[in-house]
Amino acid sequence: MAGRHDAECTISDLRQGGRSGSTLYKMELELASGEKDQIVVGPDRDISDQVIHRHHERISLSNGGNVDYQRLTVDQDMVITAGSISGKKLIIAMVALEGEYSMIRPEDGSEILFSSVQGHLFVHDGKDTSFTLPGGQNIQTLGLSLTPDVFQRYFDNSVPESLQPLLQPDVESIEPISFSVTHAMRETLIQNLSIETSPSLQQIKMEGIGLLYLTLIEQSLRATADADDGQLLVKRADIDKAQRAYQMLQDNLQEPPCLSDLAVKLGTTEKRLNQAFRELYSDTVFEVLRDVRMKKAKILLERTDMAIKEVAWEVGYNHSTNFSTAFNQKYGVPPAEYARKVRSGVVRLVKNA
């Protein structure tokens, strides 16, 4: 797989330097051009952004485990290979709050997709694990790593039945557990992560987010289980179809299928599809499509020299006036002004309305 990508980086365990008893983690990135980037994460971490724009926070929880939060801009396809981190068996909960990437399980070679609507819990025992990151996107990812004993303590030694398979002794027989990420869940995590704190409060903030994250996952799994008692098959099928519809919209921004066409292609009704979108994304199909278009437009304005009318056409607007109105409503600034500022380096990000 790595041969198909322009960049690879490896995380390796560096048991040297830093505070007594601490572990530093080194990530090396090499692009096809020969440029290299290096990031060392630990109590006294050093973060270099020479090649990729990257923000990485790793907080060690007081009762064991780690919370990892990363933001990075992926301009070209890359593969990250994670090696042995601690030498311990870890239960990891991971989700892409923005963007998407996939993981290849070393146990059986299966591929798992992480996206803003689907996260996974899995067991990691130190084997090399590859993550494929498609280019042309911004990624935010949140991970919570806990040893099995700490995982049980988080639930007061009463782990929910849906999560008990993660505690099996044979790692190779443990299948990842998927959980749905609703719009409300995603926004709650992003809002908490964006809260500015003093260095002395950062530890408390991230520990709270770790607990909140696990609680939200449990609620998501419980909601799915509750649906099983009555209309599980219908409910789960509707959610799956909504996720497929979302991908179809992303892939066809210029000429997206209408709601009725989506329903026919997916074998459902317009009402059920819209209801599933409201549950997953807290919006109708139309509103979600507009949101996807605006996010794509913002990326094009940031990373290309395309004219406004070209960006408008690329994301499915035939008239630049309509596009400018929609962009201004979403981000609070006209696209022409945003493009001028971001391309001159005056501004990098705007508030996601």
Protein backbone atom coordinates (compact mmCIF):
# COMPACT_ATOMS: atom_id res chain seq x y z
CA MET A 1 0.00 0.00 0.00
CA ALA A 2 2.76 2.43 0.87
CA GLY A 3 4.08 2.38 -2.67
CA ARG A 4 0.88 4.05 -3.88
CA HIS A 5 1.35 7.07 -1.67
CA ASP A 6 3.62 10.07 -1.74
CA ALA A 7 4.48 10.16 1.93
CA GLU A 8 5.11 7.81 4.81
CA CYS A 9 5.79 8.43 8.45
CA THR A 10 6.52 6.13 11.34
CA ILE A 11 5.81 6.45 15.04
CA SER A 12 8.45 4.77 17.15
CA ASP A 13 9.05 4.47 20.88
CA LEU A 14 11.89 6.59 22.25
CA ARG A 15 12.59 5.70 25.86
CA GLN A 16 15.06 8.46 26.47
CA GLY A 17 15.06 12.08 27.57
CA GLY A 18 12.07 13.86 29.06
CA ARG A 19 11.01 13.43 32.62
CA SER A 20 11.90 10.45 34.72
CA GLY A 21 9.85 7.41 33.72
CA SER A 22 8.30 9.20 30.75
CA THR A 23 8.05 7.92 27.20
CA LEU A 24 8.62 10.10 24.16
CA TYR A 25 7.10 9.32 20.79
CA LYS A 26 8.78 10.28 17.55
CA MET A 27 6.94 10.69 14.26
CA GLU A 28 8.97 11.04 11.09
CA LEU A 29 7.41 12.09 7.81
CA GLU A 30 9.16 11.94 4.47
CA LEU A 31 7.57 13.31 1.30
CA ALA A 32 8.34 12.29 -2.26
CA SER A 33 10.35 15.52 -2.62
CA GLY A 34 12.75 14.33 0.08
CA GLU A 35 11.53 16.84 2.66
CA LYS A 36 11.35 15.52 6.19
CA ASP A 37 9.34 16.42 9.25
CA GLN A 38 9.81 15.25 12.81
CA ILE A 39 7.55 15.44 15.81
CA VAL A 40 8.46 14.32 19.31
CA VAL A 41 5.55 13.98 21.72
CA GLY A 42 6.07 13.71 25.46
CA PRO A 43 5.92 15.75 28.66
CA ASP A 44 8.38 18.22 27.15
CA ARG A 45 7.31 17.78 23.58
CA ASP A 46 8.85 19.45 20.58
CA ILE A 47 6.57 19.91 17.59
CA SER A 48 7.94 20.87 14.17
CA ASP A 49 5.66 21.98 11.35
CA GLN A 50 8.22 22.33 8.58
CA VAL A 51 6.46 20.04 6.12
CA ILE A 52 2.87 19.67 7.27
CA HIS A 53 0.69 22.00 9.33
CA ARG A 54 0.09 19.90 12.39
CA HIS A 55 -1.09 20.28 15.98
CA HIS A 56 -0.69 17.35 18.37
CA GLU A 57 -1.70 17.17 22.01
CA ARG A 58 -1.01 14.08 24.12
CA ILE A 59 -2.20 14.20 27.71
CA SER A 60 -1.47 11.38 30.13
CA LEU A 61 -4.48 10.73 32.35
CA SER A 62 -3.83 10.67 36.09
CA ASN A 63 -5.39 7.23 36.50
CA GLY A 64 -3.74 5.76 33.40
CA GLY A 65 -4.07 6.03 29.63
CA ASN A 66 -3.72 8.90 27.18
CA VAL A 67 -5.87 11.35 25.26
CA ASP A 68 -4.50 12.26 21.82
CA TYR A 69 -5.90 15.15 19.79
CA GLN A 70 -4.45 16.01 16.39
CA ARG A 71 -5.20 18.52 13.65
CA LEU A 72 -3.34 18.39 10.37
CA THR A 73 -3.62 19.49 6.79
CA VAL A 74 -3.09 16.64 4.33
CA ASP A 75 -2.12 18.08 0.96
CA GLN A 76 -1.13 14.75 -0.59
CA ASP A 77 -1.85 11.10 0.15
CA MET A 78 0.24 9.65 2.96
CA VAL A 79 0.59 6.54 5.07
CA ILE A 80 1.34 6.68 8.80
CA THR A 81 2.68 3.50 10.39
CA ALA A 82 2.24 3.26 14.16
CA GLY A 83 4.67 0.88 15.84
CA SER A 84 4.93 -0.23 19.45
CA ILE A 85 3.84 2.64 21.64
CA SER A 86 4.02 1.36 25.19
CA GLY A 87 4.42 -2.38 24.91
CA LYS A 88 1.07 -2.76 26.67
CA LYS A 89 -2.25 -4.03 25.45
CA LEU A 90 -4.44 -0.96 24.90
CA ILE A 91 -8.13 -0.41 24.21
CA ILE A 92 -8.35 2.57 21.85
CA ALA A 93 -11.38 4.67 20.94
CA MET A 94 -10.79 6.76 17.82
CA VAL A 95 -12.83 9.05 15.62
CA ALA A 96 -12.18 11.57 12.84
CA LEU A 97 -13.96 14.73 13.94
CA GLU A 98 -13.15 16.19 10.51
CA GLY A 99 -12.02 14.47 7.34
CA GLU A 100 -11.55 10.73 7.03
CA TYR A 101 -8.85 8.09 7.02
CA SER A 102 -8.61 4.30 7.16
CA MET A 103 -6.70 1.80 9.27
CA ILE A 104 -5.38 -1.59 8.17
CA ARG A 105 -5.66 -4.13 10.99
CA PRO A 106 -2.45 -6.16 11.32
CA GLU A 107 -4.43 -9.15 12.63
CA ASP A 108 -6.32 -9.87 9.40
CA GLY A 109 -5.52 -7.07 6.92
CA SER A 110 -9.06 -5.71 7.01
CA GLU A 111 -9.63 -1.99 6.42
CA ILE A 112 -11.57 0.19 8.86
CA LEU A 113 -12.81 3.64 7.86
CA PHE A 114 -12.82 6.48 10.39
CA SER A 115 -15.02 9.44 9.50
CA SER A 116 -17.02 12.22 11.07
CA VAL A 117 -20.02 9.88 11.31
CA GLN A 118 -18.32 6.61 12.29
CA GLY A 119 -15.79 5.84 15.01
CA HIS A 120 -14.33 2.58 16.30
CA LEU A 121 -13.01 0.98 19.46
CA PHE A 122 -10.25 -1.57 18.90
CA VAL A 123 -7.47 -3.36 20.76
CA HIS A 124 -3.83 -2.58 19.98
CA ASP A 125 -1.01 -4.81 21.23
CA GLY A 126 1.99 -3.10 19.63
CA LYS A 127 1.95 -4.59 16.13
CA ASP A 128 2.69 -2.18 13.27
CA THR A 129 -0.58 -0.63 12.15
CA SER A 130 -0.97 1.47 8.99
CA PHE A 131 -3.24 4.48 8.59
CA THR A 132 -4.02 5.77 5.08
CA LEU A 133 -4.80 9.51 4.83
CA PRO A 134 -6.17 10.71 1.46
CA GLY A 135 -4.83 14.09 0.37
CA GLY A 136 -6.75 17.32 -0.09
CA GLN A 137 -8.39 17.52 3.31
CA ASN A 138 -8.15 18.83 6.85
CA ILE A 139 -8.23 16.17 9.54
CA GLN A 140 -9.11 16.38 13.20
CA THR A 141 -8.79 13.14 15.12
CA LEU A 142 -9.43 12.25 18.75
CA GLY A 143 -8.11 9.10 20.39
CA LEU A 144 -8.47 7.69 23.89
CA SER A 145 -6.04 4.89 24.89
CA LEU A 146 -6.63 2.85 28.06
CA THR A 147 -5.21 -0.38 29.42
CA PRO A 148 -7.94 -3.01 30.07
CA ASP A 149 -7.77 -2.54 33.85
CA VAL A 150 -8.14 1.24 33.58
CA PHE A 151 -10.91 0.76 30.99
CA GLN A 152 -12.84 -1.31 33.55
CA ARG A 153 -12.24 1.25 36.30
CA TYR A 154 -13.70 3.97 34.07
CA PHE A 155 -16.95 2.01 34.21
CA ASP A 156 -16.65 1.28 37.95
CA ASN A 157 -15.75 -2.32 37.07
CA SER A 158 -19.13 -2.77 35.39
CA VAL A 159 -18.34 -2.58 31.68
CA PRO A 160 -21.47 -2.39 29.47
CA GLU A 161 -22.27 -5.64 27.71
CA SER A 162 -21.69 -4.07 24.28
CA LEU A 163 -18.07 -3.28 25.23
CA GLN A 164 -17.17 -6.49 27.05
CA PRO A 165 -15.77 -8.21 23.91
CA LEU A 166 -12.84 -5.76 24.08
CA LEU A 167 -11.70 -7.48 27.28
CA GLN A 168 -11.13 -10.91 25.72
CA PRO A 169 -7.60 -12.24 26.32
CA ASP A 170 -6.93 -13.20 22.67
CA VAL A 171 -6.32 -9.94 20.81
CA GLU A 172 -6.52 -11.50 17.35
CA SER A 173 -10.08 -12.66 17.98
CA ILE A 174 -11.34 -9.24 19.10
CA GLU A 175 -13.28 -7.49 16.36
CA PRO A 176 -13.43 -3.66 16.39
CA ILE A 177 -16.64 -2.18 17.79
CA SER A 178 -18.17 0.58 15.66
CA PHE A 179 -20.17 3.47 17.07
CA SER A 180 -22.21 6.12 15.27
CA VAL A 181 -21.14 9.76 15.67
CA THR A 182 -24.06 12.16 15.61
CA HIS A 183 -23.72 15.82 14.74
CA ALA A 184 -24.42 16.73 18.36
CA MET A 185 -21.73 14.35 19.65
CA ARG A 186 -19.15 15.68 17.21
CA GLU A 187 -19.93 19.33 17.95
CA THR A 188 -19.80 18.70 21.72
CA LEU A 189 -16.30 17.26 21.46
CA ILE A 190 -15.04 19.97 19.08
CA GLN A 191 -16.42 22.75 21.28
CA ASN A 192 -14.77 21.31 24.38
CA LEU A 193 -11.45 20.83 22.58
CA SER A 194 -11.51 24.44 21.34
CA ILE A 195 -11.86 25.90 24.85
CA GLU A 196 -8.73 27.94 25.61
CA THR A 197 -7.14 27.21 28.97
CA SER A 198 -3.97 28.09 30.82
CA PRO A 199 -1.24 25.40 30.82
CA SER A 200 -2.07 24.59 34.43
CA LEU A 201 -5.67 23.70 33.47
CA GLN A 202 -4.91 21.81 30.27
CA GLN A 203 -4.49 18.50 32.10
CA ILE A 204 -7.90 18.83 33.78
CA LYS A 205 -9.53 19.87 30.51
CA MET A 206 -8.20 16.88 28.55
CA GLU A 207 -8.99 14.40 31.32
CA GLY A 208 -12.56 15.72 31.32
CA ILE A 209 -12.76 15.36 27.54
CA GLY A 210 -11.51 11.77 27.82
CA LEU A 211 -14.29 10.91 30.27
CA LEU A 212 -16.87 12.82 28.20
CA TYR A 213 -15.74 11.02 25.04
CA LEU A 214 -16.18 7.58 26.59
CA THR A 215 -19.57 8.56 28.02
CA LEU A 216 -20.79 9.75 24.60
CA ILE A 217 -19.61 6.50 23.00
CA GLU A 218 -21.50 4.49 25.60
CA GLN A 219 -24.63 6.56 24.96
CA SER A 220 -24.29 6.00 21.21
CA LEU A 221 -24.01 2.25 21.66
CA ARG A 222 -26.87 2.21 24.15
CA ALA A 223 -29.10 4.12 21.71
CA THR A 224 -28.38 1.50 19.07
CA ALA A 225 -29.12 -1.28 21.55
CA ASP A 226 -32.40 0.36 22.58
CA ALA A 227 -33.41 0.52 18.93
CA ASP A 228 -32.75 -3.23 18.74
CA ASP A 229 -35.66 -3.88 21.12
CA GLY A 230 -38.24 -2.73 18.61
CA GLN A 231 -37.19 -1.50 15.20
CA LEU A 232 -33.48 -2.30 15.15
CA LEU A 233 -33.32 -3.72 11.64
CA VAL A 234 -35.19 -0.76 10.19
CA LYS A 235 -33.27 1.75 12.33
CA ARG A 236 -29.82 0.41 11.57
CA ALA A 237 -30.60 0.04 7.87
CA ASP A 238 -31.78 3.64 7.72
CA ILE A 239 -28.58 4.88 9.36
CA ASP A 240 -26.45 2.86 6.94
CA LYS A 241 -28.37 4.30 3.99
CA ALA A 242 -27.96 7.83 5.30
CA GLN A 243 -24.20 7.34 5.52
CA ARG A 244 -24.13 6.01 1.95
CA ALA A 245 -26.24 8.97 0.80
CA TYR A 246 -23.83 11.36 2.49
CA GLN A 247 -20.93 9.83 0.54
CA MET A 248 -22.90 10.06 -2.71
CA LEU A 249 -23.46 13.76 -2.10
CA GLN A 250 -19.77 14.33 -1.38
CA ASP A 251 -18.81 12.54 -4.60
CA ASN A 252 -21.25 14.52 -6.78
CA LEU A 253 -21.23 18.12 -5.59
CA GLN A 254 -21.61 19.59 -9.08
CA GLU A 255 -24.68 17.54 -9.97
CA PRO A 256 -25.91 15.94 -6.74
CA PRO A 257 -28.86 13.56 -6.89
CA CYS A 258 -32.12 14.99 -5.56
CA LEU A 259 -33.74 13.59 -2.44
CA SER A 260 -36.17 11.38 -4.39
CA ASP A 261 -33.36 9.94 -6.54
CA LEU A 262 -31.28 9.21 -3.43
CA ALA A 263 -34.22 7.43 -1.84
CA VAL A 264 -34.85 5.31 -4.95
CA LYS A 265 -31.17 4.35 -5.34
CA LEU A 266 -30.93 3.34 -1.69
CA GLY A 267 -34.27 1.55 -1.54
CA THR A 268 -35.92 3.78 1.05
CA THR A 269 -38.39 6.66 1.21
CA GLU A 270 -37.64 10.37 1.23
CA LYS A 271 -39.16 10.75 4.70
CA ARG A 272 -37.08 7.94 6.23
CA LEU A 273 -33.89 9.23 4.61
CA ASN A 274 -34.48 12.75 5.88
CA GLN A 275 -35.23 11.40 9.38
CA ALA A 276 -32.00 9.42 9.37
CA PHE A 277 -30.07 12.53 8.28
CA ARG A 278 -31.61 14.49 11.14
CA GLU A 279 -30.52 11.83 13.60
CA LEU A 280 -26.98 11.52 12.25
CA TYR A 281 -26.25 15.10 11.22
CA SER A 282 -28.97 17.14 12.97
CA ASP A 283 -30.04 18.54 9.60
CA THR A 284 -32.01 17.68 6.47
CA VAL A 285 -30.38 16.24 3.36
CA PHE A 286 -30.49 19.68 1.74
CA GLU A 287 -28.83 21.43 4.69
CA VAL A 288 -26.11 18.78 4.90
CA LEU A 289 -25.40 19.11 1.18
CA ARG A 290 -25.02 22.90 1.54
CA ASP A 291 -22.67 22.39 4.50
CA VAL A 292 -20.50 19.93 2.54
CA ARG A 293 -20.34 22.35 -0.39
CA MET A 294 -19.23 25.24 1.82
CA LYS A 295 -16.50 23.19 3.49
CA LYS A 296 -15.17 22.10 0.09
CA ALA A 297 -15.29 25.70 -1.15
CA LYS A 298 -13.32 26.93 1.87
CA ILE A 299 -10.60 24.36 1.20
CA LEU A 300 -10.40 25.40 -2.47
CA LEU A 301 -10.11 29.08 -1.52
CA GLU A 302 -7.33 28.25 0.94
CA ARG A 303 -5.27 25.94 -1.25
CA THR A 304 -5.75 27.11 -4.84
CA ASP A 305 -5.74 30.29 -6.90
CA MET A 306 -9.11 29.49 -8.47
CA ALA A 307 -11.40 32.42 -9.24
CA ILE A 308 -14.60 32.73 -7.22
CA LYS A 309 -16.78 31.68 -10.15
CA GLU A 310 -14.57 28.59 -10.66
CA VAL A 311 -14.91 27.62 -7.00
CA ALA A 312 -18.65 28.18 -7.21
CA TRP A 313 -18.93 25.86 -10.21
CA GLU A 314 -16.69 23.25 -8.59
CA VAL A 315 -19.02 22.92 -5.60
CA GLY A 316 -22.23 22.96 -7.63
CA TYR A 317 -23.30 26.62 -7.93
CA ASN A 318 -24.09 27.86 -11.45
CA HIS A 319 -24.19 31.49 -10.32
CA SER A 320 -21.38 33.00 -8.26
CA THR A 321 -23.84 35.42 -6.63
CA ASN A 322 -25.77 32.56 -5.03
CA PHE A 323 -22.50 30.95 -3.95
CA SER A 324 -21.25 34.20 -2.37
CA THR A 325 -24.49 34.60 -0.43
CA ALA A 326 -24.32 31.03 0.90
CA PHE A 327 -20.63 31.32 1.84
CA ASN A 328 -21.22 34.62 3.64
CA GLN A 329 -24.11 33.09 5.59
CA LYS A 330 -21.97 30.12 6.61
CA TYR A 331 -18.71 31.84 7.56
CA GLY A 332 -19.62 35.49 8.05
CA VAL A 333 -17.34 36.78 5.27
CA PRO A 334 -17.74 36.98 1.46
CA PRO A 335 -15.65 34.38 -0.42
CA ALA A 336 -13.70 37.03 -2.36
CA GLU A 337 -12.63 38.75 0.86
CA TYR A 338 -11.79 35.44 2.52
CA ALA A 339 -9.71 34.35 -0.49
CA ARG A 340 -7.79 37.64 -0.51
CA LYS A 341 -6.96 37.40 3.19
CA VAL A 342 -6.11 33.71 3.33
CA ARG A 343 -3.94 33.84 0.22
CA SER A 344 -2.02 36.80 1.59
CA GLY A 345 -1.49 35.00 4.90
CA VAL A 346 -3.67 37.41 6.90
CA VAL A 347 -6.06 34.68 8.03
CA ARG A 348 -5.90 30.89 8.01
CA LEU A 349 -9.19 29.72 9.48
CA VAL A 350 -12.65 31.12 10.00
CA LYS A 351 -15.33 30.11 12.42
CA ASN A 352 -17.43 27.17 11.30
CA ALA A 353 -20.91 28.52 11.68
